[in-house]
Amino acid sequence: MKLDMKQQLIKKCLFPAAGYGTRFLPATKATPKEMLPVLTKPLIQYGVEEALDAGISTMAIVTGRGKRAIEDHFDISYELEHQIKGTSKESLLEEIRSVITKCTFSYTRQTEMKGLGHAILCGETLIGNEPFAVILADDLCKGDGKGVLAQMVALYKEYQCSIVAIEEIHKEETNKYGVIDGELIADGIYRVNNMVEKPDPKDAPTNLAIIGRYILTPDIFDIIRDTKPGKGGEIQITDALLEQAKQGKVLAYKFKGKRFDCGSVDDFVEATNYFYALQNIRNK
């Protein structure tokens, strides 16, 4: 079937990666939290591979001071490659070489930490006037069958609007997340009518929490520009998305798969054990 000429595909993925990672101090004092390894791969590489799996090859990364290691990781290291050429260790670079070959990377900086909404706005010059995906690398996801972002891209092709990934959480944890309320319109798909950033459990409309996967339409940039600082004095993407939701233009998708909040030590250890067990199963 021929695509409608107005229909746009998701070709770019934005990675907000300027945060300090304070929950992992002192490890993140000089190392970007996005470069913390789960087994032998840094978190951000898992995210880039998930975007590739969704058919996206243009990666736009919003960095900050002390984040140079991210750029170096997605670049050729001639000295290292020369040193291990012809040895048994050469194969260890095959995955990252493949990523570098298949992707285009561009970078900009967020000079002040003013929240996720502000970080996304900083990426506007890299994205332009087109719909795009957003991955928060410290939310490490393992899709059931398809990757989580691939599931969302398929949904975008049908609905052509902003989409947030959600999961059910314990009600007492709502003060850590953006929380949605909405009308169930299909299996696992909600038309959002309300979004609240980090509500107290007694005020939370539901226990459906937004996690670090988004597809956003380009009008979000103008909305963010007009969004006043909210919870914590930061510009929240939740507040900007609420403006789209008032027009019926935001879906929430209960994704199929598993997610680890690798910004927390407990989930980071759980993710490491989970992927180690998966690796052992594959190697048998």
Protein backbone atom coordinates (compact mmCIF):
# COMPACT_ATOMS: atom_id res chain seq x y z
CA MET A 1 0.00 0.00 0.00
CA LYS A 2 1.35 3.43 -0.97
CA LEU A 3 2.08 5.86 1.86
CA ASP A 4 -0.01 9.00 2.12
CA MET A 5 2.22 11.89 0.97
CA LYS A 6 1.51 13.68 4.26
CA GLN A 7 2.64 10.70 6.32
CA GLN A 8 6.13 11.11 7.71
CA LEU A 9 8.37 8.30 8.87
CA ILE A 10 10.53 8.37 12.00
CA LYS A 11 14.10 8.83 10.77
CA LYS A 12 15.84 10.40 13.78
CA CYS A 13 16.24 9.47 17.44
CA LEU A 14 17.16 12.01 20.11
CA PHE A 15 19.17 10.98 23.17
CA PRO A 16 19.11 13.50 26.06
CA ALA A 17 22.45 12.69 27.71
CA ALA A 18 23.53 15.77 29.63
CA GLY A 19 22.44 14.73 33.14
CA TYR A 20 24.90 14.28 35.99
CA GLY A 21 23.91 10.76 37.10
CA THR A 22 24.15 11.74 40.76
CA ARG A 23 22.59 8.48 41.97
CA PHE A 24 25.77 6.72 40.81
CA LEU A 25 28.35 9.00 42.38
CA PRO A 26 31.28 8.69 42.67
CA ALA A 27 31.34 6.43 39.57
CA THR A 28 29.74 9.17 37.45
CA LYS A 29 32.00 11.98 38.68
CA ALA A 30 34.17 11.63 35.56
CA THR A 31 32.25 8.99 33.58
CA PRO A 32 28.94 9.78 31.84
CA LYS A 33 26.12 7.71 33.34
CA GLU A 34 25.16 6.73 29.77
CA MET A 35 28.55 5.00 29.48
CA LEU A 36 28.05 2.73 32.49
CA PRO A 37 28.30 -0.83 31.17
CA VAL A 38 25.73 -3.57 31.46
CA LEU A 39 27.99 -6.53 30.79
CA THR A 40 30.36 -5.29 28.05
CA LYS A 41 28.20 -2.57 26.44
CA PRO A 42 27.44 0.93 27.71
CA LEU A 43 23.81 1.86 28.29
CA ILE A 44 23.71 4.30 25.40
CA GLN A 45 24.83 1.62 22.93
CA TYR A 46 21.83 -0.51 23.93
CA GLY A 47 19.64 2.51 23.17
CA VAL A 48 21.25 3.15 19.78
CA GLU A 49 20.85 -0.52 18.86
CA GLU A 50 17.17 -0.33 19.85
CA ALA A 51 16.73 2.68 17.54
CA LEU A 52 18.48 0.82 14.72
CA ASP A 53 16.14 -2.11 15.29
CA ALA A 54 13.26 0.34 14.76
CA GLY A 55 14.64 1.38 11.36
CA ILE A 56 16.25 4.62 12.60
CA SER A 57 19.85 5.38 11.65
CA THR A 58 20.25 9.10 12.48
CA MET A 59 21.16 9.60 16.14
CA ALA A 60 21.00 13.08 17.68
CA ILE A 61 22.67 13.28 21.08
CA VAL A 62 22.31 16.16 23.55
CA THR A 63 25.39 16.12 25.76
CA GLY A 64 26.99 18.37 28.37
CA ARG A 65 30.31 19.01 30.05
CA GLY A 66 32.31 15.86 30.78
CA LYS A 67 30.45 13.75 28.21
CA ARG A 68 33.19 13.47 25.57
CA ALA A 69 33.41 9.71 26.13
CA ILE A 70 30.05 9.28 24.36
CA GLU A 71 31.39 10.86 21.16
CA ASP A 72 34.61 8.83 21.40
CA HIS A 73 32.65 5.59 21.83
CA PHE A 74 30.78 6.09 18.56
CA ASP A 75 33.98 6.81 16.64
CA ILE A 76 36.86 4.76 15.26
CA SER A 77 39.76 4.19 17.66
CA TYR A 78 42.63 3.64 15.23
CA GLU A 79 45.27 2.97 17.89
CA LEU A 80 43.11 0.38 19.68
CA GLU A 81 42.12 -1.31 16.41
CA HIS A 82 45.77 -1.48 15.33
CA GLN A 83 46.82 -3.00 18.68
CA ILE A 84 44.27 -5.85 18.59
CA LYS A 85 44.20 -6.46 14.81
CA GLY A 86 44.66 -10.15 14.07
CA THR A 87 44.16 -11.20 17.69
CA SER A 88 41.26 -13.05 19.31
CA LYS A 89 40.10 -9.74 20.81
CA GLU A 90 39.39 -8.15 17.41
CA SER A 91 35.94 -9.78 17.29
CA LEU A 92 34.95 -7.90 20.47
CA LEU A 93 34.67 -4.69 18.43
CA GLU A 94 32.38 -6.15 15.75
CA GLU A 95 29.12 -4.91 17.32
CA ILE A 96 30.25 -1.32 17.83
CA ARG A 97 31.88 -1.22 14.37
CA SER A 98 28.55 -2.30 12.89
CA VAL A 99 26.72 0.47 14.79
CA ILE A 100 29.22 3.11 13.66
CA THR A 101 28.93 1.97 10.04
CA LYS A 102 25.13 1.98 10.01
CA CYS A 103 24.50 5.23 11.90
CA THR A 104 25.06 8.94 11.54
CA PHE A 105 25.74 10.72 14.84
CA SER A 106 25.34 14.42 15.57
CA TYR A 107 25.80 16.26 18.85
CA THR A 108 24.82 19.45 20.61
CA ARG A 109 25.17 20.62 24.21
CA GLN A 110 22.70 21.47 26.94
CA THR A 111 24.61 24.13 28.84
CA GLU A 112 22.16 24.34 31.75
CA MET A 113 20.24 21.50 33.40
CA LYS A 114 16.66 22.76 33.11
CA GLY A 115 14.76 19.49 32.77
CA LEU A 116 13.91 16.94 30.10
CA GLY A 117 11.70 19.35 28.18
CA HIS A 118 14.59 21.80 27.90
CA ALA A 119 16.99 19.00 26.87
CA ILE A 120 14.64 17.99 24.05
CA LEU A 121 14.33 21.61 22.95
CA CYS A 122 18.15 21.80 22.80
CA GLY A 123 17.98 19.03 20.19
CA GLU A 124 15.72 21.00 17.83
CA THR A 125 18.60 22.05 15.55
CA LEU A 126 19.54 18.38 15.10
CA ILE A 127 15.98 17.21 14.46
CA GLY A 128 14.37 19.93 12.32
CA ASN A 129 10.72 19.94 11.32
CA GLU A 130 9.91 16.24 11.44
CA PRO A 131 8.60 13.64 13.89
CA PHE A 132 11.28 11.93 15.96
CA ALA A 133 11.90 9.36 18.66
CA VAL A 134 13.41 9.98 22.09
CA ILE A 135 15.30 7.39 24.13
CA LEU A 136 16.49 7.93 27.69
CA ALA A 137 19.46 5.59 27.82
CA ASP A 138 19.24 4.85 31.53
CA ASP A 139 15.85 3.23 30.91
CA LEU A 140 17.18 -0.04 29.49
CA CYS A 141 14.43 -1.96 27.69
CA LYS A 142 14.21 -5.49 26.34
CA GLY A 143 11.27 -5.83 24.00
CA ASP A 144 9.11 -8.92 23.77
CA GLY A 145 9.83 -9.99 20.18
CA LYS A 146 10.23 -6.51 18.69
CA GLY A 147 12.17 -3.79 20.49
CA VAL A 148 10.08 -1.26 22.43
CA LEU A 149 10.84 1.59 20.03
CA ALA A 150 10.06 -0.61 17.02
CA GLN A 151 6.66 -1.32 18.57
CA MET A 152 6.06 2.42 18.95
CA VAL A 153 7.19 3.25 15.40
CA ALA A 154 4.67 0.73 14.07
CA LEU A 155 2.00 2.44 16.16
CA TYR A 156 3.03 5.87 14.88
CA LYS A 157 2.55 4.75 11.28
CA GLU A 158 -1.09 4.07 12.12
CA TYR A 159 -1.93 7.03 14.37
CA GLN A 160 0.51 9.82 13.30
CA CYS A 161 0.65 11.55 16.70
CA SER A 162 2.87 11.79 19.76
CA ILE A 163 3.24 8.55 21.73
CA VAL A 164 4.62 7.85 25.20
CA ALA A 165 5.56 4.40 26.49
CA ILE A 166 3.95 3.47 29.81
CA GLU A 167 4.04 0.69 32.36
CA GLU A 168 2.08 -0.09 35.51
CA ILE A 169 3.91 0.79 38.71
CA HIS A 170 3.15 0.53 42.42
CA LYS A 171 0.91 3.44 43.37
CA GLU A 172 3.34 4.60 46.08
CA GLU A 173 6.00 5.23 43.38
CA THR A 174 4.01 7.76 41.34
CA ASN A 175 6.05 10.64 42.80
CA LYS A 176 9.02 9.42 40.69
CA TYR A 177 7.27 9.50 37.28
CA GLY A 178 5.05 11.34 34.90
CA VAL A 179 1.64 9.67 35.20
CA ILE A 180 -1.11 9.54 32.57
CA ASP A 181 -4.86 9.20 32.59
CA GLY A 182 -6.77 8.31 29.47
CA GLU A 183 -9.31 6.28 27.56
CA LEU A 184 -8.44 2.75 26.47
CA ILE A 185 -8.98 2.70 22.68
CA ALA A 186 -7.27 -0.60 21.78
CA ASP A 187 -5.26 -3.33 23.47
CA GLY A 188 -2.59 -1.53 25.51
CA ILE A 189 -3.28 1.83 23.80
CA TYR A 190 -4.75 4.85 25.61
CA ARG A 191 -5.87 8.21 24.26
CA VAL A 192 -4.35 10.52 26.88
CA ASN A 193 -6.52 13.22 28.45
CA ASN A 194 -4.36 14.10 31.45
CA MET A 195 -0.69 13.90 32.45
CA VAL A 196 0.80 14.83 35.82
CA GLU A 197 4.50 15.10 36.63
CA LYS A 198 5.53 13.20 39.79
CA PRO A 199 2.21 13.39 41.66
CA ASP A 200 1.88 12.34 45.27
CA PRO A 201 0.34 8.86 45.39
CA LYS A 202 -2.90 10.26 46.84
CA ASP A 203 -3.20 12.68 43.88
CA ALA A 204 -2.14 10.34 41.07
CA PRO A 205 -4.92 9.75 38.51
CA THR A 206 -3.68 6.20 37.74
CA ASN A 207 -0.63 3.99 38.26
CA LEU A 208 0.34 4.22 34.54
CA ALA A 209 3.81 5.76 34.47
CA ILE A 210 5.68 7.22 31.50
CA ILE A 211 9.08 5.63 30.88
CA GLY A 212 11.99 6.80 28.75
CA ARG A 213 10.60 6.13 25.25
CA TYR A 214 8.73 8.78 23.25
CA ILE A 215 7.71 9.58 19.72
CA LEU A 216 7.10 13.30 19.32
CA THR A 217 5.68 15.42 16.53
CA PRO A 218 7.71 18.55 15.66
CA ASP A 219 5.14 21.04 17.00
CA ILE A 220 6.36 19.96 20.44
CA PHE A 221 9.30 22.39 20.10
CA ASP A 222 7.07 25.48 19.97
CA ILE A 223 4.98 24.11 22.83
CA ILE A 224 8.10 23.58 24.97
CA ARG A 225 9.20 27.15 24.23
CA ASP A 226 5.92 28.38 25.72
CA THR A 227 5.99 25.97 28.68
CA LYS A 228 6.71 27.53 32.06
CA PRO A 229 8.99 25.72 34.53
CA GLY A 230 6.98 23.21 36.57
CA LYS A 231 7.84 20.57 39.17
CA GLY A 232 11.31 21.21 40.60
CA GLY A 233 11.64 24.47 38.64
CA GLU A 234 12.36 22.48 35.47
CA ILE A 235 10.75 22.53 32.04
CA GLN A 236 8.91 19.22 32.00
CA ILE A 237 8.14 17.34 28.79
CA THR A 238 5.02 16.08 30.58
CA ASP A 239 3.64 19.63 30.77
CA ALA A 240 4.32 20.22 27.06
CA LEU A 241 2.73 16.91 26.07
CA LEU A 242 -0.36 17.81 28.11
CA GLU A 243 -0.98 20.67 25.67
CA GLN A 244 -1.00 18.17 22.80
CA ALA A 245 -3.16 15.80 24.82
CA LYS A 246 -5.82 18.50 25.23
CA GLN A 247 -6.20 18.33 21.44
CA GLY A 248 -6.41 14.52 21.48
CA LYS A 249 -2.96 14.19 19.95
CA VAL A 250 -1.13 11.96 22.45
CA LEU A 251 -1.31 8.19 22.86
CA ALA A 252 0.12 6.15 25.71
CA TYR A 253 1.29 2.65 24.87
CA LYS A 254 1.71 -0.16 27.38
CA PHE A 255 4.71 -1.74 25.66
CA LYS A 256 5.43 -5.44 25.44
CA GLY A 257 8.70 -6.18 27.18
CA LYS A 258 10.79 -5.45 30.26
CA ARG A 259 12.32 -2.20 31.45
CA PHE A 260 15.10 -1.52 33.95
CA ASP A 261 15.63 1.90 35.55
CA CYS A 262 19.41 1.84 35.31
CA GLY A 263 19.59 5.22 37.00
CA SER A 264 19.06 3.25 40.21
CA VAL A 265 21.66 0.88 41.64
CA ASP A 266 19.12 -1.88 42.36
CA ASP A 267 17.74 -1.98 38.80
CA PHE A 268 21.24 -1.65 37.33
CA VAL A 269 22.32 -4.79 39.19
CA GLU A 270 19.06 -6.54 38.18
CA ALA A 271 19.63 -5.58 34.51
CA THR A 272 23.19 -6.90 34.64
CA ASN A 273 22.01 -10.23 36.06
CA TYR A 274 19.15 -10.43 33.52
CA PHE A 275 21.35 -9.79 30.47
CA TYR A 276 24.04 -12.12 31.83
CA ALA A 277 21.48 -14.91 32.09
CA LEU A 278 20.26 -14.16 28.54
CA GLN A 279 23.83 -14.29 27.25
CA ASN A 280 24.39 -17.66 28.91
CA ILE A 281 21.20 -19.04 27.32
CA ARG A 282 22.36 -17.87 23.86
CA ASN A 283 25.82 -19.38 24.36
CA LYS A 284 24.47 -22.85 25.28
